[in-house]
């Protein structure tokens, strides 16, 4: 299965979407990993992840470009990648992710390593 990695700044610009969003999406069927990378995690980073998930679920144009036929058949994971994550931020991510019905992951190591631990190989 091919892994597709998409920079969301470019994608949102091309679709004229002006909402808050995460940095990128990694797609490998049946997973969609929404990634926000930062040096020090803040509440705004969690909000970007949640907003991106909500956009994927509600925006038909975005789902078409991402080649997502049935949103109910994919497993969405939100990944907050940061050198430093305050426990309060981690709790907020966990709470908000569960409220959205997605799996939260925090990581301070290499994103590829984290994906591999989740069973999502990038090759």
PDB file of N, CA and C in Angstrom:
ATOM      1  N   UNK A   1       0.845  -1.193   0.000  1.00  0.00           N
ATOM      2  CA  UNK A   1       0.000   0.000   0.000  1.00  0.00           C
ATOM      3  C   UNK A   1       0.878   1.239   0.000  1.00  0.00           C
ATOM      4  N   UNK A   2       0.547   2.189  -0.841  1.00  0.00           N
ATOM      5  CA  UNK A   2       1.291   3.432  -0.981  1.00  0.00           C
ATOM      6  C   UNK A   2       0.952   4.363   0.183  1.00  0.00           C
ATOM      7  N   UNK A   3       1.974   5.055   0.666  1.00  0.00           N
ATOM      8  CA  UNK A   3       1.788   6.052   1.706  1.00  0.00           C
ATOM      9  C   UNK A   3       1.784   7.422   1.035  1.00  0.00           C
ATOM     10  N   UNK A   4       0.781   8.206   1.340  1.00  0.00           N
ATOM     11  CA  UNK A   4       0.643   9.536   0.775  1.00  0.00           C
ATOM     12  C   UNK A   4       0.843  10.545   1.898  1.00  0.00           C
ATOM     13  N   UNK A   5       1.768  11.479   1.712  1.00  0.00           N
ATOM     14  CA  UNK A   5       2.029  12.513   2.704  1.00  0.00           C
ATOM     15  C   UNK A   5       1.715  13.861   2.072  1.00  0.00           C
ATOM     16  N   UNK A   6       0.848  14.634   2.718  1.00  0.00           N
ATOM     17  CA  UNK A   6       0.354  15.878   2.126  1.00  0.00           C
ATOM     18  C   UNK A   6       0.600  17.053   3.064  1.00  0.00           C
ATOM     19  N   UNK A   7       1.216  18.095   2.522  1.00  0.00           N
ATOM     20  CA  UNK A   7       1.416  19.352   3.245  1.00  0.00           C
ATOM     21  C   UNK A   7       0.091  20.113   3.213  1.00  0.00           C
ATOM     22  N   UNK A   8      -0.475  20.373   4.380  1.00  0.00           N
ATOM     23  CA  UNK A   8      -1.806  20.986   4.412  1.00  0.00           C
ATOM     24  C   UNK A   8      -1.804  22.471   4.092  1.00  0.00           C
ATOM     25  N   UNK A   9      -0.691  23.172   4.302  1.00  0.00           N
ATOM     26  CA  UNK A   9      -0.638  24.589   3.917  1.00  0.00           C
ATOM     27  C   UNK A   9      -0.917  24.720   2.425  1.00  0.00           C
ATOM     28  N   UNK A  10      -0.216  23.930   1.624  1.00  0.00           N
ATOM     29  CA  UNK A  10      -0.394  23.977   0.172  1.00  0.00           C
ATOM     30  C   UNK A  10      -1.790  23.519  -0.246  1.00  0.00           C
ATOM     31  N   UNK A  11      -2.256  22.438   0.361  1.00  0.00           N
ATOM     32  CA  UNK A  11      -3.572  21.902   0.000  1.00  0.00           C
ATOM     33  C   UNK A  11      -4.683  22.889   0.338  1.00  0.00           C
ATOM     34  N   UNK A  12      -4.665  23.435   1.540  1.00  0.00           N
ATOM     35  CA  UNK A  12      -5.706  24.378   1.945  1.00  0.00           C
ATOM     36  C   UNK A  12      -5.671  25.623   1.066  1.00  0.00           C
ATOM     37  N   UNK A  13      -4.473  26.078   0.717  1.00  0.00           N
ATOM     38  CA  UNK A  13      -4.341  27.246  -0.162  1.00  0.00           C
ATOM     39  C   UNK A  13      -4.975  26.954  -1.528  1.00  0.00           C
ATOM     40  N   UNK A  14      -4.691  25.781  -2.096  1.00  0.00           N
ATOM     41  CA  UNK A  14      -5.221  25.432  -3.414  1.00  0.00           C
ATOM     42  C   UNK A  14      -6.741  25.255  -3.407  1.00  0.00           C
ATOM     43  N   UNK A  15      -7.309  24.852  -2.270  1.00  0.00           N
ATOM     44  CA  UNK A  15      -8.762  24.675  -2.165  1.00  0.00           C
ATOM     45  C   UNK A  15      -9.472  25.912  -1.604  1.00  0.00           C
ATOM     46  N   UNK A  16      -8.709  26.977  -1.344  1.00  0.00           N
ATOM     47  CA  UNK A  16      -9.251  28.213  -0.748  1.00  0.00           C
ATOM     48  C   UNK A  16      -9.950  27.952   0.582  1.00  0.00           C
ATOM     49  N   UNK A  17      -9.347  27.108   1.404  1.00  0.00           N
ATOM     50  CA  UNK A  17      -9.862  26.840   2.745  1.00  0.00           C
ATOM     51  C   UNK A  17      -9.018  27.665   3.707  1.00  0.00           C
ATOM     52  N   UNK A  18      -9.674  28.472   4.529  1.00  0.00           N
ATOM     53  CA  UNK A  18      -8.922  29.369   5.403  1.00  0.00           C
ATOM     54  C   UNK A  18      -9.035  29.019   6.887  1.00  0.00           C
ATOM     55  N   UNK A  19      -9.391  27.802   7.185  1.00  0.00           N
ATOM     56  CA  UNK A  19      -9.519  27.382   8.576  1.00  0.00           C
ATOM     57  C   UNK A  19      -8.158  27.039   9.182  1.00  0.00           C
ATOM     58  N   UNK A  20      -8.145  27.075  10.497  1.00  0.00           N
ATOM     59  CA  UNK A  20      -6.984  26.611  11.249  1.00  0.00           C
ATOM     60  C   UNK A  20      -6.761  25.142  10.905  1.00  0.00           C
ATOM     61  N   UNK A  21      -5.497  24.716  10.741  1.00  0.00           N
ATOM     62  CA  UNK A  21      -5.242  23.320  10.362  1.00  0.00           C
ATOM     63  C   UNK A  21      -3.873  22.846  10.847  1.00  0.00           C
ATOM     64  N   UNK A  22      -3.727  21.539  10.862  1.00  0.00           N
ATOM     65  CA  UNK A  22      -2.463  20.912  11.245  1.00  0.00           C
ATOM     66  C   UNK A  22      -1.447  21.090  10.117  1.00  0.00           C
ATOM     67  N   UNK A  23      -0.224  20.598  10.338  1.00  0.00           N
ATOM     68  CA  UNK A  23       0.845  20.760   9.357  1.00  0.00           C
ATOM     69  C   UNK A  23       0.697  19.839   8.155  1.00  0.00           C
ATOM     70  N   UNK A  24       0.366  18.579   8.411  1.00  0.00           N
ATOM     71  CA  UNK A  24       0.302  17.626   7.302  1.00  0.00           C
ATOM     72  C   UNK A  24      -0.567  16.428   7.657  1.00  0.00           C
ATOM     73  N   UNK A  25      -0.857  15.661   6.618  1.00  0.00           N
ATOM     74  CA  UNK A  25      -1.620  14.425   6.767  1.00  0.00           C
ATOM     75  C   UNK A  25      -0.810  13.311   6.114  1.00  0.00           C
ATOM     76  N   UNK A  26      -0.786  12.171   6.776  1.00  0.00           N
ATOM     77  CA  UNK A  26      -0.171  10.977   6.212  1.00  0.00           C
ATOM     78  C   UNK A  26      -1.298   9.962   6.048  1.00  0.00           C
ATOM     79  N   UNK A  27      -1.462   9.469   4.821  1.00  0.00           N
ATOM     80  CA  UNK A  27      -2.545   8.527   4.531  1.00  0.00           C
ATOM     81  C   UNK A  27      -1.956   7.195   4.108  1.00  0.00           C
ATOM     82  N   UNK A  28      -2.351   6.169   4.811  1.00  0.00           N
ATOM     83  CA  UNK A  28      -2.040   4.788   4.432  1.00  0.00           C
ATOM     84  C   UNK A  28      -3.248   3.967   4.844  1.00  0.00           C
ATOM     85  N   UNK A  29      -3.969   3.500   3.855  1.00  0.00           N
ATOM     86  CA  UNK A  29      -5.215   2.794   4.090  1.00  0.00           C
ATOM     87  C   UNK A  29      -5.052   1.715   5.149  1.00  0.00           C
ATOM     88  N   UNK A  30      -5.871   1.665   6.173  1.00  0.00           N
ATOM     89  CA  UNK A  30      -7.076   2.432   6.463  1.00  0.00           C
ATOM     90  C   UNK A  30      -6.824   3.608   7.422  1.00  0.00           C
ATOM     91  N   UNK A  31      -5.607   4.099   7.500  1.00  0.00           N
ATOM     92  CA  UNK A  31      -5.271   5.147   8.462  1.00  0.00           C
ATOM     93  C   UNK A  31      -5.140   6.517   7.806  1.00  0.00           C
ATOM     94  N   UNK A  32      -5.546   7.527   8.568  1.00  0.00           N
ATOM     95  CA  UNK A  32      -5.236   8.916   8.255  1.00  0.00           C
ATOM     96  C   UNK A  32      -4.582   9.460   9.527  1.00  0.00           C
ATOM     97  N   UNK A  33      -3.346   9.898   9.402  1.00  0.00           N
ATOM     98  CA  UNK A  33      -2.635  10.464  10.545  1.00  0.00           C
ATOM     99  C   UNK A  33      -2.523  11.967  10.314  1.00  0.00           C
ATOM    100  N   UNK A  34      -3.129  12.730  11.207  1.00  0.00           N
ATOM    101  CA  UNK A  34      -3.086  14.189  11.145  1.00  0.00           C
ATOM    102  C   UNK A  34      -1.947  14.616  12.066  1.00  0.00           C
ATOM    103  N   UNK A  35      -0.946  15.304  11.510  1.00  0.00           N
ATOM    104  CA  UNK A  35       0.286  15.608  12.247  1.00  0.00           C
ATOM    105  C   UNK A  35       0.441  17.110  12.462  1.00  0.00           C
ATOM    106  N   UNK A  36       0.691  17.487  13.696  1.00  0.00           N
ATOM    107  CA  UNK A  36       1.064  18.855  14.045  1.00  0.00           C
ATOM    108  C   UNK A  36       2.433  18.788  14.701  1.00  0.00           C
ATOM    109  N   UNK A  37       3.393  19.512  14.132  1.00  0.00           N
ATOM    110  CA  UNK A  37       4.760  19.513  14.663  1.00  0.00           C
ATOM    111  C   UNK A  37       5.085  20.887  15.228  1.00  0.00           C
ATOM    112  N   UNK A  38       5.674  20.874  16.410  1.00  0.00           N
ATOM    113  CA  UNK A  38       6.006  22.119  17.079  1.00  0.00           C
ATOM    114  C   UNK A  38       7.150  21.872  18.062  1.00  0.00           C
ATOM    115  N   UNK A  39       7.846  22.913  18.434  1.00  0.00           N
ATOM    116  CA  UNK A  39       8.932  22.718  19.403  1.00  0.00           C
ATOM    117  C   UNK A  39       8.373  22.586  20.813  1.00  0.00           C
ATOM    118  N   UNK A  40       7.345  23.372  21.123  1.00  0.00           N
ATOM    119  CA  UNK A  40       6.702  23.278  22.439  1.00  0.00           C
ATOM    120  C   UNK A  40       5.186  23.297  22.240  1.00  0.00           C
ATOM    121  N   UNK A  41       4.539  22.222  22.615  1.00  0.00           N
ATOM    122  CA  UNK A  41       3.101  22.067  22.374  1.00  0.00           C
ATOM    123  C   UNK A  41       2.286  23.073  23.181  1.00  0.00           C
ATOM    124  N   UNK A  42       1.270  23.615  22.496  1.00  0.00           N
ATOM    125  CA  UNK A  42       0.356  24.562  23.126  1.00  0.00           C
ATOM    126  C   UNK A  42      -1.081  24.125  22.831  1.00  0.00           C
ATOM    127  N   UNK A  43      -2.023  24.729  23.520  1.00  0.00           N
ATOM    128  CA  UNK A  43      -3.435  24.407  23.309  1.00  0.00           C
ATOM    129  C   UNK A  43      -3.821  24.666  21.857  1.00  0.00           C
ATOM    130  N   UNK A  44      -3.268  25.710  21.263  1.00  0.00           N
ATOM    131  CA  UNK A  44      -3.556  26.027  19.862  1.00  0.00           C
ATOM    132  C   UNK A  44      -3.199  24.860  18.932  1.00  0.00           C
ATOM    133  N   UNK A  45      -2.143  24.127  19.259  1.00  0.00           N
ATOM    134  CA  UNK A  45      -1.743  22.974  18.440  1.00  0.00           C
ATOM    135  C   UNK A  45      -2.803  21.872  18.492  1.00  0.00           C
ATOM    136  N   UNK A  46      -3.364  21.659  19.676  1.00  0.00           N
ATOM    137  CA  UNK A  46      -4.445  20.677  19.831  1.00  0.00           C
ATOM    138  C   UNK A  46      -5.664  21.137  19.030  1.00  0.00           C
ATOM    139  N   UNK A  47      -5.969  22.422  19.090  1.00  0.00           N
ATOM    140  CA  UNK A  47      -7.110  22.959  18.354  1.00  0.00           C
ATOM    141  C   UNK A  47      -6.926  22.800  16.848  1.00  0.00           C
ATOM    142  N   UNK A  48      -5.696  22.943  16.363  1.00  0.00           N
ATOM    143  CA  UNK A  48      -5.419  22.749  14.935  1.00  0.00           C
ATOM    144  C   UNK A  48      -5.695  21.303  14.522  1.00  0.00           C
ATOM    145  N   UNK A  49      -5.290  20.352  15.360  1.00  0.00           N
ATOM    146  CA  UNK A  49      -5.532  18.941  15.059  1.00  0.00           C
ATOM    147  C   UNK A  49      -7.031  18.652  14.992  1.00  0.00           C
ATOM    148  N   UNK A  50      -7.772  19.135  15.984  1.00  0.00           N
ATOM    149  CA  UNK A  50      -9.217  18.901  16.045  1.00  0.00           C
ATOM    150  C   UNK A  50      -9.919  19.569  14.861  1.00  0.00           C
ATOM    151  N   UNK A  51      -9.517  20.797  14.540  1.00  0.00           N
ATOM    152  CA  UNK A  51     -10.129  21.509  13.411  1.00  0.00           C
ATOM    153  C   UNK A  51      -9.885  20.764  12.097  1.00  0.00           C
ATOM    154  N   UNK A  52      -8.700  20.195  11.943  1.00  0.00           N
ATOM    155  CA  UNK A  52      -8.392  19.447  10.728  1.00  0.00           C
ATOM    156  C   UNK A  52      -9.260  18.203  10.621  1.00  0.00           C
ATOM    157  N   UNK A  53      -9.431  17.490  11.726  1.00  0.00           N
ATOM    158  CA  UNK A  53     -10.299  16.305  11.723  1.00  0.00           C
ATOM    159  C   UNK A  53     -11.726  16.705  11.354  1.00  0.00           C
ATOM    160  N   UNK A  54     -12.210  17.793  11.945  1.00  0.00           N
ATOM    161  CA  UNK A  54     -13.566  18.243  11.643  1.00  0.00           C
ATOM    162  C   UNK A  54     -13.702  18.622  10.168  1.00  0.00           C
ATOM    163  N   UNK A  55     -12.670  19.243   9.595  1.00  0.00           N
ATOM    164  CA  UNK A  55     -12.702  19.600   8.178  1.00  0.00           C
ATOM    165  C   UNK A  55     -12.713  18.358   7.283  1.00  0.00           C
ATOM    166  N   UNK A  56     -11.904  17.375   7.639  1.00  0.00           N
ATOM    167  CA  UNK A  56     -11.875  16.132   6.852  1.00  0.00           C
ATOM    168  C   UNK A  56     -13.260  15.492   6.848  1.00  0.00           C
ATOM    169  N   UNK A  57     -13.911  15.507   7.986  1.00  0.00           N
ATOM    170  CA  UNK A  57     -15.233  14.870   8.080  1.00  0.00           C
ATOM    171  C   UNK A  57     -16.328  15.660   7.374  1.00  0.00           C
ATOM    172  N   UNK A  58     -16.218  16.985   7.349  1.00  0.00           N
ATOM    173  CA  UNK A  58     -17.336  17.792   6.851  1.00  0.00           C
ATOM    174  C   UNK A  58     -17.142  18.365   5.450  1.00  0.00           C
ATOM    175  N   UNK A  59     -15.927  18.401   4.941  1.00  0.00           N
ATOM    176  CA  UNK A  59     -15.666  19.060   3.663  1.00  0.00           C
ATOM    177  C   UNK A  59     -15.523  18.019   2.538  1.00  0.00           C
ATOM    178  N   UNK A  60     -16.529  17.953   1.683  1.00  0.00           N
ATOM    179  CA  UNK A  60     -16.523  16.982   0.581  1.00  0.00           C
ATOM    180  C   UNK A  60     -15.353  17.202  -0.374  1.00  0.00           C
ATOM    181  N   UNK A  61     -15.049  18.460  -0.677  1.00  0.00           N
ATOM    182  CA  UNK A  61     -13.943  18.764  -1.604  1.00  0.00           C
ATOM    183  C   UNK A  61     -12.623  18.254  -1.047  1.00  0.00           C
ATOM    184  N   UNK A  62     -12.415  18.463   0.237  1.00  0.00           N
ATOM    185  CA  UNK A  62     -11.185  18.001   0.877  1.00  0.00           C
ATOM    186  C   UNK A  62     -11.093  16.479   0.847  1.00  0.00           C
ATOM    187  N   UNK A  63     -12.196  15.803   1.153  1.00  0.00           N
ATOM    188  CA  UNK A  63     -12.195  14.331   1.121  1.00  0.00           C
ATOM    189  C   UNK A  63     -11.947  13.804  -0.292  1.00  0.00           C
ATOM    190  N   UNK A  64     -12.495  14.481  -1.301  1.00  0.00           N
ATOM    191  CA  UNK A  64     -12.265  14.062  -2.687  1.00  0.00           C
ATOM    192  C   UNK A  64     -10.791  14.166  -3.054  1.00  0.00           C
ATOM    193  N   UNK A  65     -10.167  15.286  -2.690  1.00  0.00           N
ATOM    194  CA  UNK A  65      -8.747  15.484  -2.992  1.00  0.00           C
ATOM    195  C   UNK A  65      -7.887  14.461  -2.253  1.00  0.00           C
ATOM    196  N   UNK A  66      -8.280  14.129  -1.028  1.00  0.00           N
ATOM    197  CA  UNK A  66      -7.542  13.137  -0.231  1.00  0.00           C
ATOM    198  C   UNK A  66      -7.901  11.710  -0.632  1.00  0.00           C
ATOM    199  N   UNK A  67      -8.843  11.560  -1.563  1.00  0.00           N
ATOM    200  CA  UNK A  67      -9.270  10.257  -2.060  1.00  0.00           C
ATOM    201  C   UNK A  67      -9.861   9.379  -0.951  1.00  0.00           C
ATOM    202  N   UNK A  68     -10.713   9.995  -0.141  1.00  0.00           N
ATOM    203  CA  UNK A  68     -11.391   9.283   0.943  1.00  0.00           C
ATOM    204  C   UNK A  68     -12.837   9.065   0.510  1.00  0.00           C
ATOM    205  N   UNK A  69     -13.151   7.832   0.153  1.00  0.00           N
ATOM    206  CA  UNK A  69     -14.499   7.514  -0.324  1.00  0.00           C
ATOM    207  C   UNK A  69     -15.503   7.416   0.814  1.00  0.00           C
ATOM    208  N   UNK A  70     -15.126   6.718   1.869  1.00  0.00           N
ATOM    209  CA  UNK A  70     -16.037   6.498   2.990  1.00  0.00           C
ATOM    210  C   UNK A  70     -15.305   6.817   4.290  1.00  0.00           C
ATOM    211  N   UNK A  71     -15.606   7.965   4.860  1.00  0.00           N
ATOM    212  CA  UNK A  71     -14.912   8.429   6.070  1.00  0.00           C
ATOM    213  C   UNK A  71     -15.111   7.467   7.237  1.00  0.00           C
ATOM    214  N   UNK A  72     -16.198   6.706   7.227  1.00  0.00           N
ATOM    215  CA  UNK A  72     -16.461   5.762   8.311  1.00  0.00           C
ATOM    216  C   UNK A  72     -15.564   4.528   8.265  1.00  0.00           C
ATOM    217  N   UNK A  73     -14.902   4.313   7.134  1.00  0.00           N
ATOM    218  CA  UNK A  73     -14.038   3.144   7.002  1.00  0.00           C
ATOM    219  C   UNK A  73     -12.575   3.428   7.294  1.00  0.00           C
ATOM    220  N   UNK A  74     -12.255   4.670   7.658  1.00  0.00           N
ATOM    221  CA  UNK A  74     -10.866   5.002   7.973  1.00  0.00           C
ATOM    222  C   UNK A  74     -10.699   5.217   9.467  1.00  0.00           C
ATOM    223  N   UNK A  75      -9.491   5.003   9.924  1.00  0.00           N
ATOM    224  CA  UNK A  75      -9.161   5.237  11.327  1.00  0.00           C
ATOM    225  C   UNK A  75      -8.296   6.497  11.377  1.00  0.00           C
ATOM    226  N   UNK A  76      -8.792   7.514  12.058  1.00  0.00           N
ATOM    227  CA  UNK A  76      -8.067   8.776  12.140  1.00  0.00           C
ATOM    228  C   UNK A  76      -7.268   8.814  13.439  1.00  0.00           C
ATOM    229  N   UNK A  77      -6.002   9.175  13.293  1.00  0.00           N
ATOM    230  CA  UNK A  77      -5.099   9.333  14.431  1.00  0.00           C
ATOM    231  C   UNK A  77      -4.582  10.762  14.405  1.00  0.00           C
ATOM    232  N   UNK A  78      -4.630  11.446  15.541  1.00  0.00           N
ATOM    233  CA  UNK A  78      -4.038  12.776  15.624  1.00  0.00           C
ATOM    234  C   UNK A  78      -2.709  12.643  16.362  1.00  0.00           C
ATOM    235  N   UNK A  79      -1.660  13.180  15.753  1.00  0.00           N
ATOM    236  CA  UNK A  79      -0.306  13.039  16.279  1.00  0.00           C
ATOM    237  C   UNK A  79       0.265  14.418  16.581  1.00  0.00           C
ATOM    238  N   UNK A  80       0.505  14.678  17.861  1.00  0.00           N
ATOM    239  CA  UNK A  80       1.144  15.911  18.289  1.00  0.00           C
ATOM    240  C   UNK A  80       2.618  15.601  18.514  1.00  0.00           C
ATOM    241  N   UNK A  81       3.450  16.101  17.611  1.00  0.00           N
ATOM    242  CA  UNK A  81       4.887  15.822  17.642  1.00  0.00           C
ATOM    243  C   UNK A  81       5.601  17.063  18.172  1.00  0.00           C
ATOM    244  N   UNK A  82       6.212  16.931  19.351  1.00  0.00           N
ATOM    245  CA  UNK A  82       6.834  18.077  19.993  1.00  0.00           C
ATOM    246  C   UNK A  82       7.963  17.619  20.908  1.00  0.00           C
ATOM    247  N   UNK A  83       8.974  18.465  21.030  1.00  0.00           N
ATOM    248  CA  UNK A  83      10.065  18.139  21.961  1.00  0.00           C
ATOM    249  C   UNK A  83       9.581  18.208  23.403  1.00  0.00           C
ATOM    250  N   UNK A  84       8.598  19.058  23.645  1.00  0.00           N
ATOM    251  CA  UNK A  84       8.134  19.281  25.008  1.00  0.00           C
ATOM    252  C   UNK A  84       6.605  19.331  25.036  1.00  0.00           C
ATOM    253  N   UNK A  85       6.003  18.421  25.804  1.00  0.00           N
ATOM    254  CA  UNK A  85       4.545  18.396  25.904  1.00  0.00           C
ATOM    255  C   UNK A  85       4.155  18.424  27.378  1.00  0.00           C
ATOM    256  N   UNK A  86       3.533  19.494  27.778  1.00  0.00           N
ATOM    257  CA  UNK A  86       3.046  19.659  29.146  1.00  0.00           C
ATOM    258  C   UNK A  86       1.935  18.631  29.388  1.00  0.00           C
ATOM    259  N   UNK A  87       1.876  18.039  30.585  1.00  0.00           N
ATOM    260  CA  UNK A  87       0.830  17.045  30.868  1.00  0.00           C
ATOM    261  C   UNK A  87      -0.591  17.579  30.655  1.00  0.00           C
ATOM    262  N   UNK A  88      -0.800  18.869  30.907  1.00  0.00           N
ATOM    263  CA  UNK A  88      -2.123  19.463  30.697  1.00  0.00           C
ATOM    264  C   UNK A  88      -2.490  19.443  29.205  1.00  0.00           C
ATOM    265  N   UNK A  89      -1.517  19.695  28.347  1.00  0.00           N
ATOM    266  CA  UNK A  89      -1.750  19.681  26.895  1.00  0.00           C
ATOM    267  C   UNK A  89      -2.056  18.254  26.442  1.00  0.00           C
ATOM    268  N   UNK A  90      -1.326  17.290  26.989  1.00  0.00           N
ATOM    269  CA  UNK A  90      -1.558  15.884  26.643  1.00  0.00           C
ATOM    270  C   UNK A  90      -2.969  15.456  27.060  1.00  0.00           C
ATOM    271  N   UNK A  91      -3.422  15.900  28.235  1.00  0.00           N
ATOM    272  CA  UNK A  91      -4.780  15.578  28.688  1.00  0.00           C
ATOM    273  C   UNK A  91      -5.826  16.212  27.773  1.00  0.00           C
ATOM    274  N   UNK A  92      -5.589  17.460  27.380  1.00  0.00           N
ATOM    275  CA  UNK A  92      -6.529  18.135  26.474  1.00  0.00           C
ATOM    276  C   UNK A  92      -6.594  17.408  25.132  1.00  0.00           C
ATOM    277  N   UNK A  93      -5.437  17.002  24.627  1.00  0.00           N
ATOM    278  CA  UNK A  93      -5.417  16.252  23.367  1.00  0.00           C
ATOM    279  C   UNK A  93      -6.217  14.962  23.509  1.00  0.00           C
ATOM    280  N   UNK A  94      -5.995  14.248  24.596  1.00  0.00           N
ATOM    281  CA  UNK A  94      -6.702  12.993  24.829  1.00  0.00           C
ATOM    282  C   UNK A  94      -8.218  13.219  24.909  1.00  0.00           C
ATOM    283  N   UNK A  95      -8.626  14.226  25.664  1.00  0.00           N
ATOM    284  CA  UNK A  95     -10.046  14.532  25.834  1.00  0.00           C
ATOM    285  C   UNK A  95     -10.676  14.929  24.502  1.00  0.00           C
ATOM    286  N   UNK A  96     -10.052  15.883  23.803  1.00  0.00           N
ATOM    287  CA  UNK A  96     -10.615  16.373  22.545  1.00  0.00           C
ATOM    288  C   UNK A  96     -10.643  15.292  21.469  1.00  0.00           C
ATOM    289  N   UNK A  97      -9.599  14.480  21.418  1.00  0.00           N
ATOM    290  CA  UNK A  97      -9.548  13.403  20.422  1.00  0.00           C
ATOM    291  C   UNK A  97     -10.656  12.392  20.671  1.00  0.00           C
ATOM    292  N   UNK A  98     -10.840  12.009  21.912  1.00  0.00           N
ATOM    293  CA  UNK A  98     -11.899  11.042  22.230  1.00  0.00           C
ATOM    294  C   UNK A  98     -13.275  11.621  21.937  1.00  0.00           C
ATOM    295  N   UNK A  99     -13.438  12.912  22.192  1.00  0.00           N
ATOM    296  CA  UNK A  99     -14.702  13.584  21.896  1.00  0.00           C
ATOM    297  C   UNK A  99     -14.983  13.552  20.390  1.00  0.00           C
ATOM    298  N   UNK A 100     -13.933  13.618  19.588  1.00  0.00           N
ATOM    299  CA  UNK A 100     -14.070  13.567  18.120  1.00  0.00           C
ATOM    300  C   UNK A 100     -14.096  12.138  17.588  1.00  0.00           C
ATOM    301  N   UNK A 101     -13.830  11.158  18.442  1.00  0.00           N
ATOM    302  CA  UNK A 101     -13.830   9.766  18.001  1.00  0.00           C
ATOM    303  C   UNK A 101     -12.577   9.366  17.252  1.00  0.00           C
ATOM    304  N   UNK A 102     -11.444   9.995  17.592  1.00  0.00           N
ATOM    305  CA  UNK A 102     -10.178   9.652  16.954  1.00  0.00           C
ATOM    306  C   UNK A 102      -9.169   9.247  18.022  1.00  0.00           C
ATOM    307  N   UNK A 103      -8.063   8.662  17.594  1.00  0.00           N
ATOM    308  CA  UNK A 103      -7.038   8.204  18.526  1.00  0.00           C
ATOM    309  C   UNK A 103      -5.950   9.267  18.689  1.00  0.00           C
ATOM    310  N   UNK A 104      -5.641   9.650  19.942  1.00  0.00           N
ATOM    311  CA  UNK A 104      -4.588  10.637  20.166  1.00  0.00           C
ATOM    312  C   UNK A 104      -3.226   9.984  20.384  1.00  0.00           C
ATOM    313  N   UNK A 105      -2.179  10.605  19.853  1.00  0.00           N
ATOM    314  CA  UNK A 105      -0.814  10.134  20.067  1.00  0.00           C
ATOM    315  C   UNK A 105       0.071  11.359  20.270  1.00  0.00           C
ATOM    316  N   UNK A 106       0.937  11.297  21.275  1.00  0.00           N
ATOM    317  CA  UNK A 106       1.951  12.336  21.436  1.00  0.00           C
ATOM    318  C   UNK A 106       3.308  11.688  21.222  1.00  0.00           C
ATOM    319  N   UNK A 107       4.241  12.491  20.708  1.00  0.00           N
ATOM    320  CA  UNK A 107       5.557  11.939  20.414  1.00  0.00           C
ATOM    321  C   UNK A 107       6.602  13.035  20.482  1.00  0.00           C
ATOM    322  N   UNK A 108       7.749  12.678  21.053  1.00  0.00           N
ATOM    323  CA  UNK A 108       8.869  13.616  21.042  1.00  0.00           C
ATOM    324  C   UNK A 108      10.005  13.066  20.180  1.00  0.00           C
ATOM    325  N   UNK A 109       9.806  11.863  19.645  1.00  0.00           N
ATOM    326  CA  UNK A 109      10.840  11.264  18.798  1.00  0.00           C
ATOM    327  C   UNK A 109      10.469  11.437  17.327  1.00  0.00           C
ATOM    328  N   UNK A 110      11.206  10.834  16.483  1.00  0.00           N
ATOM    329  CA  UNK A 110      11.021  10.880  15.038  1.00  0.00           C
ATOM    330  C   UNK A 110       9.610  10.413  14.657  1.00  0.00           C
ATOM    331  N   UNK A 111       8.958  11.131  13.747  1.00  0.00           N
ATOM    332  CA  UNK A 111       7.600  10.777  13.318  1.00  0.00           C
ATOM    333  C   UNK A 111       7.566   9.386  12.689  1.00  0.00           C
ATOM    334  N   UNK A 112       8.565   9.064  11.877  1.00  0.00           N
ATOM    335  CA  UNK A 112       8.610   7.736  11.236  1.00  0.00           C
ATOM    336  C   UNK A 112       8.666   6.635  12.285  1.00  0.00           C
ATOM    337  N   UNK A 113       9.444   6.859  13.348  1.00  0.00           N
ATOM    338  CA  UNK A 113       9.529   5.883  14.450  1.00  0.00           C
ATOM    339  C   UNK A 113       8.176   5.711  15.114  1.00  0.00           C
ATOM    340  N   UNK A 114       7.502   6.819  15.369  1.00  0.00           N
ATOM    341  CA  UNK A 114       6.191   6.774  16.013  1.00  0.00           C
ATOM    342  C   UNK A 114       5.195   6.024  15.146  1.00  0.00           C
ATOM    343  N   UNK A 115       5.192   6.301  13.858  1.00  0.00           N
ATOM    344  CA  UNK A 115       4.281   5.592  12.942  1.00  0.00           C
ATOM    345  C   UNK A 115       4.585   4.103  12.922  1.00  0.00           C
ATOM    346  N   UNK A 116       5.859   3.775  12.932  1.00  0.00           N
ATOM    347  CA  UNK A 116       6.257   2.374  12.936  1.00  0.00           C
ATOM    348  C   UNK A 116       5.745   1.668  14.192  1.00  0.00           C
ATOM    349  N   UNK A 117       5.839   2.328  15.350  1.00  0.00           N
ATOM    350  CA  UNK A 117       5.325   1.756  16.607  1.00  0.00           C
ATOM    351  C   UNK A 117       3.821   1.527  16.537  1.00  0.00           C
ATOM    352  N   UNK A 118       3.135   2.370  15.761  1.00  0.00           N
ATOM    353  CA  UNK A 118       1.687   2.231  15.606  1.00  0.00           C
ATOM    354  C   UNK A 118       1.311   1.180  14.555  1.00  0.00           C
ATOM    355  N   UNK A 119       2.336   0.633  13.904  1.00  0.00           N
ATOM    356  CA  UNK A 119       2.096  -0.365  12.859  1.00  0.00           C
ATOM    357  C   UNK A 119       1.809   0.252  11.503  1.00  0.00           C
ATOM    358  N   UNK A 120       2.192   1.523  11.338  1.00  0.00           N
ATOM    359  CA  UNK A 120       1.982   2.213  10.073  1.00  0.00           C
ATOM    360  C   UNK A 120       3.353   2.513   9.483  1.00  0.00           C
ATOM    361  N   UNK A 121       3.798   1.641   8.612  1.00  0.00           N
ATOM    362  CA  UNK A 121       5.101   1.820   7.971  1.00  0.00           C
ATOM    363  C   UNK A 121       4.984   2.851   6.866  1.00  0.00           C
ATOM    364  N   UNK A 122       5.995   3.695   6.698  1.00  0.00           N
ATOM    365  CA  UNK A 122       5.961   4.721   5.663  1.00  0.00           C
ATOM    366  C   UNK A 122       6.500   4.209   4.336  1.00  0.00           C
ATOM    367  N   UNK A 123       6.928   2.958   4.256  1.00  0.00           N
ATOM    368  CA  UNK A 123       7.441   2.416   2.983  1.00  0.00           C
ATOM    369  C   UNK A 123       6.447   1.438   2.407  1.00  0.00           C
TER     370      UNK A 123
END
